[in-house]
Amino acid sequence: MISRNPRLIVDFDVAFNKSSERIQNIVDNSSEADFYYTDGYLGYIDVVYPGKHIRNVRDKKDTHHVESINADLRHDIPVLARRSRCFARKIETLYAVVAVFIDAYNRFGLAKYKYCQRKKTRELPFSVVDFL
């Protein structure tokens, strides 16, 4: 689950499945939002959202931020990219790796947000690697 502005990962779960119960647990344990945007995955239908749920079945206009973060996760954490080459022996190990990445990603996101607000530019003198 992400916030849009600043773009941060506010909660996550690591599992072998995407059950409605797991998604509901993330929604219940996160801060309430006015809007919840999801893609066409059917598991989102059974989740009760405290705000308005907008399900984008045909386009990704409201979910492109989370898709971008998913791409970052797959790019920077090899075990998420190719199961045939890299794999976590335990789900706890994968959870720990993702948690470390998300901590660095969020610190980078906050620094980027503050820098862009001050300098009025998108060119950054740092990257997410600097926050690992």
N, C-alpha and C. Protein backbone atom coordinates (compact mmCIF):
# COMPACT_ATOMS: atom_id res chain seq x y z
N MET A 1 0.86 -1.16 0.00
CA MET A 1 0.00 0.00 0.00
C MET A 1 0.91 1.23 0.00
N ILE A 2 0.59 2.18 -0.87
CA ILE A 2 1.42 3.38 -0.98
C ILE A 2 0.59 4.64 -0.78
N SER A 3 1.29 5.71 -0.44
CA SER A 3 0.68 7.03 -0.47
C SER A 3 1.20 7.70 -1.73
N ARG A 4 0.46 8.61 -2.26
CA ARG A 4 0.86 9.24 -3.51
C ARG A 4 1.79 10.42 -3.33
N ASN A 5 1.53 11.23 -2.31
CA ASN A 5 2.32 12.45 -2.17
C ASN A 5 2.62 12.70 -0.71
N PRO A 6 3.80 12.46 -0.20
CA PRO A 6 4.95 11.97 -0.95
C PRO A 6 4.78 10.48 -1.25
N ARG A 7 5.45 10.03 -2.28
CA ARG A 7 5.31 8.65 -2.72
C ARG A 7 6.10 7.74 -1.78
N LEU A 8 5.38 7.11 -0.85
CA LEU A 8 5.98 6.24 0.16
C LEU A 8 5.21 4.93 0.24
N ILE A 9 5.89 3.90 0.66
CA ILE A 9 5.23 2.62 0.92
C ILE A 9 4.78 2.67 2.38
N VAL A 10 3.48 2.66 2.61
CA VAL A 10 2.96 2.80 3.96
C VAL A 10 2.73 1.47 4.66
N ASP A 11 2.57 0.39 3.92
CA ASP A 11 2.43 -0.93 4.50
C ASP A 11 2.66 -1.98 3.42
N PHE A 12 3.06 -3.16 3.86
CA PHE A 12 3.30 -4.25 2.91
C PHE A 12 3.14 -5.58 3.60
N ASP A 13 3.08 -6.62 2.81
CA ASP A 13 3.02 -7.98 3.30
C ASP A 13 3.79 -8.85 2.33
N VAL A 14 4.39 -9.89 2.84
CA VAL A 14 5.11 -10.84 2.00
C VAL A 14 4.46 -12.20 2.21
N ALA A 15 4.00 -12.80 1.13
CA ALA A 15 3.30 -14.08 1.23
C ALA A 15 3.38 -14.80 -0.11
N PHE A 16 2.98 -16.05 -0.09
CA PHE A 16 2.94 -16.83 -1.32
C PHE A 16 1.61 -16.69 -2.04
N ASN A 17 0.65 -16.00 -1.42
CA ASN A 17 -0.65 -15.80 -2.07
C ASN A 17 -1.12 -14.37 -1.86
N LYS A 18 -2.12 -13.97 -2.63
CA LYS A 18 -2.73 -12.64 -2.50
C LYS A 18 -4.19 -12.81 -2.08
N SER A 19 -4.40 -13.31 -0.89
CA SER A 19 -5.77 -13.53 -0.46
C SER A 19 -6.42 -12.23 -0.01
N SER A 20 -7.72 -12.19 -0.07
CA SER A 20 -8.48 -11.02 0.38
C SER A 20 -8.24 -10.75 1.86
N GLU A 21 -8.05 -11.82 2.64
CA GLU A 21 -7.80 -11.66 4.07
C GLU A 21 -6.49 -10.92 4.33
N ARG A 22 -5.46 -11.24 3.57
CA ARG A 22 -4.16 -10.57 3.73
C ARG A 22 -4.27 -9.10 3.34
N ILE A 23 -4.99 -8.84 2.25
CA ILE A 23 -5.18 -7.45 1.80
C ILE A 23 -6.01 -6.69 2.84
N GLN A 24 -7.03 -7.32 3.37
CA GLN A 24 -7.86 -6.68 4.40
C GLN A 24 -7.03 -6.32 5.62
N ASN A 25 -6.12 -7.20 6.00
CA ASN A 25 -5.25 -6.94 7.15
C ASN A 25 -4.38 -5.70 6.92
N ILE A 26 -3.87 -5.53 5.71
CA ILE A 26 -3.07 -4.34 5.39
C ILE A 26 -3.93 -3.09 5.48
N VAL A 27 -5.12 -3.14 4.91
CA VAL A 27 -6.03 -1.99 4.93
C VAL A 27 -6.40 -1.64 6.37
N ASP A 28 -6.70 -2.65 7.18
CA ASP A 28 -7.12 -2.42 8.57
C ASP A 28 -6.00 -1.83 9.43
N ASN A 29 -4.75 -2.19 9.14
CA ASN A 29 -3.63 -1.76 9.97
C ASN A 29 -2.94 -0.49 9.46
N SER A 30 -3.42 0.09 8.39
CA SER A 30 -2.83 1.31 7.84
C SER A 30 -3.71 2.51 8.16
N SER A 31 -3.13 3.69 8.01
CA SER A 31 -3.91 4.91 8.20
C SER A 31 -5.02 4.97 7.16
N GLU A 32 -6.14 5.53 7.56
CA GLU A 32 -7.27 5.63 6.63
C GLU A 32 -6.97 6.65 5.54
N ALA A 33 -7.50 6.39 4.36
CA ALA A 33 -7.36 7.29 3.23
C ALA A 33 -8.75 7.61 2.68
N ASP A 34 -8.84 8.69 1.94
CA ASP A 34 -10.12 9.04 1.32
C ASP A 34 -10.43 8.14 0.13
N PHE A 35 -9.38 7.77 -0.61
CA PHE A 35 -9.54 6.95 -1.82
C PHE A 35 -8.58 5.78 -1.80
N TYR A 36 -9.04 4.63 -2.30
CA TYR A 36 -8.23 3.43 -2.46
C TYR A 36 -8.33 3.01 -3.92
N TYR A 37 -7.22 3.03 -4.63
CA TYR A 37 -7.19 2.68 -6.04
C TYR A 37 -6.57 1.30 -6.20
N THR A 38 -7.25 0.43 -6.93
CA THR A 38 -6.73 -0.91 -7.18
C THR A 38 -6.87 -1.25 -8.66
N ASP A 39 -6.18 -2.33 -9.06
CA ASP A 39 -6.30 -2.78 -10.44
C ASP A 39 -7.43 -3.81 -10.54
N GLY A 40 -7.44 -4.61 -11.57
CA GLY A 40 -8.54 -5.53 -11.82
C GLY A 40 -8.50 -6.83 -11.06
N TYR A 41 -7.52 -7.02 -10.18
CA TYR A 41 -7.44 -8.27 -9.42
C TYR A 41 -8.72 -8.48 -8.60
N LEU A 42 -9.33 -9.65 -8.73
CA LEU A 42 -10.62 -9.92 -8.11
C LEU A 42 -10.56 -9.98 -6.58
N GLY A 43 -9.41 -10.22 -6.01
CA GLY A 43 -9.27 -10.28 -4.56
C GLY A 43 -9.58 -8.97 -3.87
N TYR A 44 -9.49 -7.85 -4.59
CA TYR A 44 -9.77 -6.54 -4.00
C TYR A 44 -11.27 -6.30 -3.78
N ILE A 45 -12.11 -7.06 -4.46
CA ILE A 45 -13.56 -6.85 -4.37
C ILE A 45 -14.08 -7.18 -2.98
N ASP A 46 -13.53 -8.20 -2.33
CA ASP A 46 -14.03 -8.65 -1.03
C ASP A 46 -13.48 -7.84 0.15
N VAL A 47 -12.61 -6.88 -0.13
CA VAL A 47 -12.00 -6.08 0.93
C VAL A 47 -12.92 -4.90 1.26
N VAL A 48 -13.05 -4.60 2.56
CA VAL A 48 -13.85 -3.46 3.01
C VAL A 48 -12.89 -2.30 3.24
N TYR A 49 -13.10 -1.22 2.50
CA TYR A 49 -12.24 -0.04 2.58
C TYR A 49 -12.94 1.06 3.38
N PRO A 50 -12.19 1.77 4.26
CA PRO A 50 -12.82 2.85 5.01
C PRO A 50 -13.12 4.08 4.15
N GLY A 51 -12.45 4.19 3.02
CA GLY A 51 -12.70 5.29 2.08
C GLY A 51 -13.32 4.75 0.81
N LYS A 52 -13.37 5.56 -0.21
CA LYS A 52 -13.96 5.15 -1.49
C LYS A 52 -12.98 4.25 -2.24
N HIS A 53 -13.47 3.11 -2.73
CA HIS A 53 -12.67 2.17 -3.50
C HIS A 53 -12.91 2.39 -4.99
N ILE A 54 -11.84 2.65 -5.72
CA ILE A 54 -11.94 2.84 -7.17
C ILE A 54 -11.13 1.72 -7.82
N ARG A 55 -11.82 0.85 -8.55
CA ARG A 55 -11.20 -0.31 -9.18
C ARG A 55 -11.00 -0.02 -10.66
N ASN A 56 -9.74 0.02 -11.08
CA ASN A 56 -9.40 0.28 -12.48
C ASN A 56 -9.16 -1.04 -13.19
N VAL A 57 -10.12 -1.44 -13.97
CA VAL A 57 -10.02 -2.71 -14.66
C VAL A 57 -9.32 -2.56 -16.01
N ARG A 58 -9.58 -1.47 -16.71
CA ARG A 58 -9.08 -1.32 -18.08
C ARG A 58 -7.81 -0.49 -18.22
N ASP A 59 -7.53 0.38 -17.26
CA ASP A 59 -6.32 1.20 -17.41
C ASP A 59 -5.59 1.29 -16.07
N LYS A 60 -4.41 1.86 -16.12
CA LYS A 60 -3.58 1.95 -14.93
C LYS A 60 -3.37 3.40 -14.51
N LYS A 61 -4.27 4.28 -14.89
CA LYS A 61 -4.06 5.71 -14.62
C LYS A 61 -3.98 6.03 -13.13
N ASP A 62 -4.66 5.28 -12.30
CA ASP A 62 -4.62 5.54 -10.86
C ASP A 62 -3.71 4.57 -10.11
N THR A 63 -3.18 3.57 -10.79
CA THR A 63 -2.33 2.60 -10.12
C THR A 63 -0.89 2.62 -10.64
N HIS A 64 -0.54 3.60 -11.46
CA HIS A 64 0.81 3.61 -12.04
C HIS A 64 1.89 3.80 -10.98
N HIS A 65 1.60 4.49 -9.88
CA HIS A 65 2.61 4.66 -8.82
C HIS A 65 2.97 3.32 -8.18
N VAL A 66 1.96 2.54 -7.84
CA VAL A 66 2.24 1.25 -7.21
C VAL A 66 2.89 0.29 -8.21
N GLU A 67 2.51 0.37 -9.47
CA GLU A 67 3.16 -0.46 -10.48
C GLU A 67 4.63 -0.08 -10.64
N SER A 68 4.91 1.22 -10.54
CA SER A 68 6.30 1.69 -10.62
C SER A 68 7.11 1.18 -9.43
N ILE A 69 6.53 1.22 -8.24
CA ILE A 69 7.23 0.71 -7.06
C ILE A 69 7.43 -0.80 -7.17
N ASN A 70 6.45 -1.52 -7.68
CA ASN A 70 6.62 -2.96 -7.90
C ASN A 70 7.79 -3.23 -8.85
N ALA A 71 7.91 -2.42 -9.88
CA ALA A 71 9.03 -2.56 -10.82
C ALA A 71 10.36 -2.28 -10.11
N ASP A 72 10.39 -1.27 -9.24
CA ASP A 72 11.60 -0.99 -8.47
C ASP A 72 11.97 -2.17 -7.58
N LEU A 73 10.99 -2.73 -6.92
CA LEU A 73 11.24 -3.89 -6.06
C LEU A 73 11.82 -5.05 -6.86
N ARG A 74 11.23 -5.34 -8.02
CA ARG A 74 11.70 -6.45 -8.84
C ARG A 74 13.10 -6.18 -9.41
N HIS A 75 13.39 -4.92 -9.68
CA HIS A 75 14.70 -4.55 -10.23
C HIS A 75 15.79 -4.65 -9.17
N ASP A 76 15.49 -4.19 -7.96
CA ASP A 76 16.52 -4.09 -6.93
C ASP A 76 16.63 -5.30 -6.00
N ILE A 77 15.63 -6.16 -5.98
CA ILE A 77 15.67 -7.36 -5.14
C ILE A 77 15.59 -8.58 -6.07
N PRO A 78 16.74 -9.21 -6.31
CA PRO A 78 16.79 -10.31 -7.29
C PRO A 78 15.80 -11.44 -7.05
N VAL A 79 15.53 -11.76 -5.78
CA VAL A 79 14.62 -12.87 -5.50
C VAL A 79 13.21 -12.59 -6.02
N LEU A 80 12.85 -11.33 -6.19
CA LEU A 80 11.53 -10.99 -6.73
C LEU A 80 11.51 -10.96 -8.25
N ALA A 81 12.69 -10.96 -8.86
CA ALA A 81 12.76 -10.84 -10.31
C ALA A 81 12.62 -12.20 -11.01
N ARG A 82 13.47 -13.16 -10.63
CA ARG A 82 13.46 -14.45 -11.30
C ARG A 82 13.54 -15.56 -10.28
N ARG A 83 12.49 -16.30 -10.15
CA ARG A 83 12.46 -17.40 -9.19
C ARG A 83 13.41 -18.53 -9.58
N SER A 84 13.69 -18.69 -10.86
CA SER A 84 14.55 -19.79 -11.29
C SER A 84 16.01 -19.54 -10.94
N ARG A 85 16.42 -18.28 -10.81
CA ARG A 85 17.81 -17.95 -10.51
C ARG A 85 18.05 -17.64 -9.03
N CYS A 86 17.12 -16.97 -8.42
CA CYS A 86 17.25 -16.57 -7.02
C CYS A 86 15.97 -16.93 -6.30
N PHE A 87 16.10 -17.43 -5.11
CA PHE A 87 14.90 -17.72 -4.33
C PHE A 87 15.24 -17.63 -2.85
N ALA A 88 14.25 -17.24 -2.07
CA ALA A 88 14.41 -17.18 -0.63
C ALA A 88 14.03 -18.52 -0.04
N ARG A 89 14.87 -19.06 0.79
CA ARG A 89 14.58 -20.35 1.41
C ARG A 89 13.47 -20.23 2.45
N LYS A 90 13.36 -19.05 3.06
CA LYS A 90 12.32 -18.82 4.07
C LYS A 90 11.60 -17.52 3.77
N ILE A 91 10.30 -17.50 4.04
CA ILE A 91 9.50 -16.29 3.82
C ILE A 91 9.99 -15.18 4.75
N GLU A 92 10.50 -15.54 5.92
CA GLU A 92 11.01 -14.54 6.87
C GLU A 92 12.22 -13.79 6.28
N THR A 93 13.06 -14.52 5.55
CA THR A 93 14.22 -13.90 4.91
C THR A 93 13.77 -12.89 3.87
N LEU A 94 12.82 -13.27 3.05
CA LEU A 94 12.29 -12.37 2.03
C LEU A 94 11.65 -11.15 2.69
N TYR A 95 10.91 -11.36 3.76
CA TYR A 95 10.28 -10.25 4.48
C TYR A 95 11.34 -9.26 4.97
N ALA A 96 12.43 -9.78 5.54
CA ALA A 96 13.50 -8.92 6.05
C ALA A 96 14.16 -8.12 4.93
N VAL A 97 14.41 -8.74 3.80
CA VAL A 97 15.02 -8.05 2.66
C VAL A 97 14.10 -6.95 2.16
N VAL A 98 12.83 -7.25 2.01
CA VAL A 98 11.86 -6.26 1.54
C VAL A 98 11.74 -5.11 2.56
N ALA A 99 11.74 -5.43 3.84
CA ALA A 99 11.63 -4.40 4.88
C ALA A 99 12.82 -3.43 4.83
N VAL A 100 14.03 -3.95 4.64
CA VAL A 100 15.22 -3.09 4.54
C VAL A 100 15.11 -2.20 3.30
N PHE A 101 14.69 -2.78 2.18
CA PHE A 101 14.54 -1.99 0.95
C PHE A 101 13.50 -0.90 1.15
N ILE A 102 12.37 -1.23 1.74
CA ILE A 102 11.29 -0.25 1.92
C ILE A 102 11.72 0.88 2.85
N ASP A 103 12.48 0.56 3.88
CA ASP A 103 12.99 1.61 4.76
C ASP A 103 13.87 2.59 3.96
N ALA A 104 14.78 2.07 3.16
CA ALA A 104 15.65 2.92 2.34
C ALA A 104 14.83 3.68 1.30
N TYR A 105 13.88 3.00 0.68
CA TYR A 105 13.05 3.61 -0.36
C TYR A 105 12.25 4.78 0.20
N ASN A 106 11.70 4.61 1.41
CA ASN A 106 10.90 5.68 2.02
C ASN A 106 11.77 6.84 2.46
N ARG A 107 12.97 6.57 3.00
CA ARG A 107 13.87 7.68 3.36
C ARG A 107 14.30 8.44 2.11
N PHE A 108 14.55 7.72 1.01
CA PHE A 108 14.87 8.35 -0.27
C PHE A 108 13.68 9.18 -0.75
N GLY A 109 12.48 8.61 -0.66
CA GLY A 109 11.28 9.32 -1.12
C GLY A 109 11.04 10.62 -0.37
N LEU A 110 11.23 10.60 0.94
CA LEU A 110 11.05 11.82 1.73
C LEU A 110 12.12 12.85 1.38
N ALA A 111 13.37 12.40 1.24
CA ALA A 111 14.45 13.33 0.88
C ALA A 111 14.19 13.93 -0.50
N LYS A 112 13.74 13.10 -1.44
CA LYS A 112 13.43 13.57 -2.79
C LYS A 112 12.30 14.60 -2.76
N TYR A 113 11.26 14.31 -2.01
CA TYR A 113 10.11 15.21 -1.89
C TYR A 113 10.54 16.56 -1.34
N LYS A 114 11.30 16.54 -0.26
CA LYS A 114 11.76 17.78 0.37
C LYS A 114 12.71 18.55 -0.55
N TYR A 115 13.61 17.84 -1.22
CA TYR A 115 14.57 18.49 -2.12
C TYR A 115 13.83 19.16 -3.29
N CYS A 116 12.89 18.44 -3.87
CA CYS A 116 12.15 18.99 -5.02
C CYS A 116 11.29 20.18 -4.61
N GLN A 117 10.77 20.17 -3.38
CA GLN A 117 9.99 21.31 -2.89
C GLN A 117 10.87 22.56 -2.73
N ARG A 118 12.08 22.35 -2.23
CA ARG A 118 13.00 23.47 -2.00
C ARG A 118 13.61 24.00 -3.30
N LYS A 119 14.07 23.10 -4.14
CA LYS A 119 14.84 23.49 -5.33
C LYS A 119 14.00 23.66 -6.58
N LYS A 120 12.76 23.20 -6.56
CA LYS A 120 11.86 23.30 -7.72
C LYS A 120 12.47 22.63 -8.95
N THR A 121 13.10 21.48 -8.75
CA THR A 121 13.70 20.72 -9.84
C THR A 121 13.50 19.24 -9.58
N ARG A 122 13.58 18.44 -10.62
CA ARG A 122 13.46 16.99 -10.50
C ARG A 122 14.82 16.31 -10.58
N GLU A 123 15.87 17.08 -10.84
CA GLU A 123 17.23 16.53 -10.90
C GLU A 123 17.75 16.35 -9.47
N LEU A 124 18.13 15.14 -9.12
CA LEU A 124 18.54 14.84 -7.75
C LEU A 124 20.04 14.59 -7.67
N PRO A 125 20.69 15.06 -6.60
CA PRO A 125 22.11 14.78 -6.41
C PRO A 125 22.35 13.49 -5.64
N PHE A 126 21.29 12.67 -5.45
CA PHE A 126 21.40 11.42 -4.70
C PHE A 126 20.45 10.40 -5.31
N SER A 127 20.61 9.14 -4.90
CA SER A 127 19.74 8.05 -5.39
C SER A 127 19.33 7.16 -4.22
N VAL A 128 18.48 6.20 -4.49
CA VAL A 128 18.01 5.30 -3.43
C VAL A 128 19.16 4.51 -2.83
N VAL A 129 20.20 4.25 -3.61
CA VAL A 129 21.36 3.50 -3.12
C VAL A 129 22.04 4.23 -1.97
N ASP A 130 22.00 5.56 -1.98
CA ASP A 130 22.61 6.34 -0.91
C ASP A 130 21.90 6.14 0.43
N PHE A 131 20.72 5.57 0.43
CA PHE A 131 19.95 5.41 1.66
C PHE A 131 19.96 3.97 2.19
N LEU A 132 20.69 3.09 1.51
CA LEU A 132 20.79 1.71 1.99
C LEU A 132 21.75 1.58 3.13
